[in-house]
């Protein structure tokens, strides 16, 4: 069958990467469904505007701090946080 494979430096990293890939695929499908197969793409000027906004994202006041400079979850080194805490909590609840 068709599938995807991801890797990471930890189980946490691998699982979250797969979840992100799955969500991106879902959003791509929704976008394709809305615009159809003849859509020519996002105009270059809009792409440039988006890229310029993304470059300054980490400098926004509400995103400054440890999270904007690190890929580690909010829980800190060795501690799960955010999305990982949510999903690991769901799995642990049944054990």
C-alpha atoms as a PDB file:
ATOM      1  CA  UNK A   1       0.000   0.000   0.000  1.00  0.00           C
ATOM      2  CA  UNK A   2       0.844   3.663   0.011  1.00  0.00           C
ATOM      3  CA  UNK A   3       2.223   5.222   3.126  1.00  0.00           C
ATOM      4  CA  UNK A   4       4.749   7.567   4.569  1.00  0.00           C
ATOM      5  CA  UNK A   5       7.822   7.124   6.694  1.00  0.00           C
ATOM      6  CA  UNK A   6       9.461   9.741   8.871  1.00  0.00           C
ATOM      7  CA  UNK A   7      12.394   9.739  11.232  1.00  0.00           C
ATOM      8  CA  UNK A   8      13.564  11.903  14.063  1.00  0.00           C
ATOM      9  CA  UNK A   9      15.989  12.100  16.928  1.00  0.00           C
ATOM     10  CA  UNK A  10      13.363  10.699  19.315  1.00  0.00           C
ATOM     11  CA  UNK A  11      10.011   8.933  19.312  1.00  0.00           C
ATOM     12  CA  UNK A  12       8.439  12.290  20.181  1.00  0.00           C
ATOM     13  CA  UNK A  13      10.048  13.994  17.197  1.00  0.00           C
ATOM     14  CA  UNK A  14       9.075  11.186  14.809  1.00  0.00           C
ATOM     15  CA  UNK A  15       5.445  11.044  15.947  1.00  0.00           C
ATOM     16  CA  UNK A  16       4.993  14.823  15.794  1.00  0.00           C
ATOM     17  CA  UNK A  17       6.610  14.967  12.341  1.00  0.00           C
ATOM     18  CA  UNK A  18       4.181  12.299  11.095  1.00  0.00           C
ATOM     19  CA  UNK A  19       1.209  14.159  12.584  1.00  0.00           C
ATOM     20  CA  UNK A  20       2.368  17.352  10.873  1.00  0.00           C
ATOM     21  CA  UNK A  21       2.793  15.530   7.546  1.00  0.00           C
ATOM     22  CA  UNK A  22      -0.690  14.033   7.825  1.00  0.00           C
ATOM     23  CA  UNK A  23      -2.237  17.430   8.609  1.00  0.00           C
ATOM     24  CA  UNK A  24      -0.412  19.062   5.686  1.00  0.00           C
ATOM     25  CA  UNK A  25      -1.692  16.344   3.337  1.00  0.00           C
ATOM     26  CA  UNK A  26      -5.239  16.955   4.586  1.00  0.00           C
ATOM     27  CA  UNK A  27      -4.923  20.723   4.015  1.00  0.00           C
ATOM     28  CA  UNK A  28      -3.494  20.131   0.523  1.00  0.00           C
ATOM     29  CA  UNK A  29      -6.466  17.900  -0.308  1.00  0.00           C
ATOM     30  CA  UNK A  30      -8.922  20.536   0.939  1.00  0.00           C
ATOM     31  CA  UNK A  31      -7.194  23.241  -1.119  1.00  0.00           C
ATOM     32  CA  UNK A  32      -7.191  21.055  -4.237  1.00  0.00           C
ATOM     33  CA  UNK A  33     -10.890  20.298  -3.710  1.00  0.00           C
ATOM     34  CA  UNK A  34     -11.705  24.014  -3.545  1.00  0.00           C
ATOM     35  CA  UNK A  35      -9.753  25.266  -6.568  1.00  0.00           C
ATOM     36  CA  UNK A  36      -9.769  22.276  -8.918  1.00  0.00           C
ATOM     37  CA  UNK A  37      -7.125  20.758 -11.149  1.00  0.00           C
ATOM     38  CA  UNK A  38      -6.810  23.781 -13.479  1.00  0.00           C
ATOM     39  CA  UNK A  39      -5.578  26.157 -10.753  1.00  0.00           C
ATOM     40  CA  UNK A  40      -2.310  27.726 -11.884  1.00  0.00           C
ATOM     41  CA  UNK A  41      -0.861  28.332  -8.410  1.00  0.00           C
ATOM     42  CA  UNK A  42      -0.320  31.150  -5.960  1.00  0.00           C
ATOM     43  CA  UNK A  43       0.874  34.341  -7.689  1.00  0.00           C
ATOM     44  CA  UNK A  44       4.588  35.033  -7.144  1.00  0.00           C
ATOM     45  CA  UNK A  45       3.894  38.382  -5.459  1.00  0.00           C
ATOM     46  CA  UNK A  46       1.721  36.618  -2.869  1.00  0.00           C
ATOM     47  CA  UNK A  47       4.451  34.019  -2.290  1.00  0.00           C
ATOM     48  CA  UNK A  48       7.000  36.791  -1.716  1.00  0.00           C
ATOM     49  CA  UNK A  49       4.694  38.571   0.719  1.00  0.00           C
ATOM     50  CA  UNK A  50       4.129  35.345   2.663  1.00  0.00           C
ATOM     51  CA  UNK A  51       7.876  34.585   2.791  1.00  0.00           C
ATOM     52  CA  UNK A  52       8.642  38.091   4.058  1.00  0.00           C
ATOM     53  CA  UNK A  53       6.103  37.673   6.847  1.00  0.00           C
ATOM     54  CA  UNK A  54       7.504  34.289   7.844  1.00  0.00           C
ATOM     55  CA  UNK A  55      11.063  35.628   8.097  1.00  0.00           C
ATOM     56  CA  UNK A  56      10.056  38.011  10.886  1.00  0.00           C
ATOM     57  CA  UNK A  57       7.743  35.625  12.706  1.00  0.00           C
ATOM     58  CA  UNK A  58      10.150  34.725  15.530  1.00  0.00           C
ATOM     59  CA  UNK A  59      10.623  38.422  16.295  1.00  0.00           C
ATOM     60  CA  UNK A  60       6.952  39.039  17.025  1.00  0.00           C
ATOM     61  CA  UNK A  61       6.559  40.037  20.711  1.00  0.00           C
ATOM     62  CA  UNK A  62       4.077  37.268  21.484  1.00  0.00           C
ATOM     63  CA  UNK A  63       6.400  34.595  20.015  1.00  0.00           C
ATOM     64  CA  UNK A  64       9.701  35.703  21.578  1.00  0.00           C
ATOM     65  CA  UNK A  65      11.275  33.524  24.228  1.00  0.00           C
ATOM     66  CA  UNK A  66      12.422  29.938  24.555  1.00  0.00           C
ATOM     67  CA  UNK A  67       9.809  28.524  22.165  1.00  0.00           C
ATOM     68  CA  UNK A  68      10.788  30.813  19.298  1.00  0.00           C
ATOM     69  CA  UNK A  69      14.447  29.753  19.570  1.00  0.00           C
ATOM     70  CA  UNK A  70      14.036  26.053  20.226  1.00  0.00           C
ATOM     71  CA  UNK A  71      12.208  23.070  18.811  1.00  0.00           C
ATOM     72  CA  UNK A  72      11.922  21.544  22.290  1.00  0.00           C
ATOM     73  CA  UNK A  73       8.397  21.471  23.655  1.00  0.00           C
ATOM     74  CA  UNK A  74       7.278  23.871  26.352  1.00  0.00           C
ATOM     75  CA  UNK A  75       7.927  21.318  29.072  1.00  0.00           C
ATOM     76  CA  UNK A  76      11.683  21.841  28.777  1.00  0.00           C
ATOM     77  CA  UNK A  77      14.493  19.368  28.276  1.00  0.00           C
ATOM     78  CA  UNK A  78      13.313  15.808  28.743  1.00  0.00           C
ATOM     79  CA  UNK A  79       9.760  16.799  29.599  1.00  0.00           C
ATOM     80  CA  UNK A  80       6.910  16.379  27.148  1.00  0.00           C
ATOM     81  CA  UNK A  81       4.760  19.406  26.424  1.00  0.00           C
ATOM     82  CA  UNK A  82       2.115  20.734  24.079  1.00  0.00           C
ATOM     83  CA  UNK A  83       0.824  18.346  21.421  1.00  0.00           C
ATOM     84  CA  UNK A  84       3.081  15.514  22.595  1.00  0.00           C
ATOM     85  CA  UNK A  85       1.693  15.791  26.145  1.00  0.00           C
ATOM     86  CA  UNK A  86      -1.856  15.655  24.786  1.00  0.00           C
ATOM     87  CA  UNK A  87      -1.346  12.525  22.680  1.00  0.00           C
ATOM     88  CA  UNK A  88       0.852  10.714  25.201  1.00  0.00           C
ATOM     89  CA  UNK A  89      -1.834  11.449  27.802  1.00  0.00           C
ATOM     90  CA  UNK A  90      -4.498   9.879  25.580  1.00  0.00           C
ATOM     91  CA  UNK A  91      -2.434   6.732  25.122  1.00  0.00           C
ATOM     92  CA  UNK A  92      -1.485   6.516  28.806  1.00  0.00           C
ATOM     93  CA  UNK A  93      -5.106   6.820  29.927  1.00  0.00           C
ATOM     94  CA  UNK A  94      -5.894   3.361  28.529  1.00  0.00           C
ATOM     95  CA  UNK A  95      -2.946   1.627  30.219  1.00  0.00           C
END
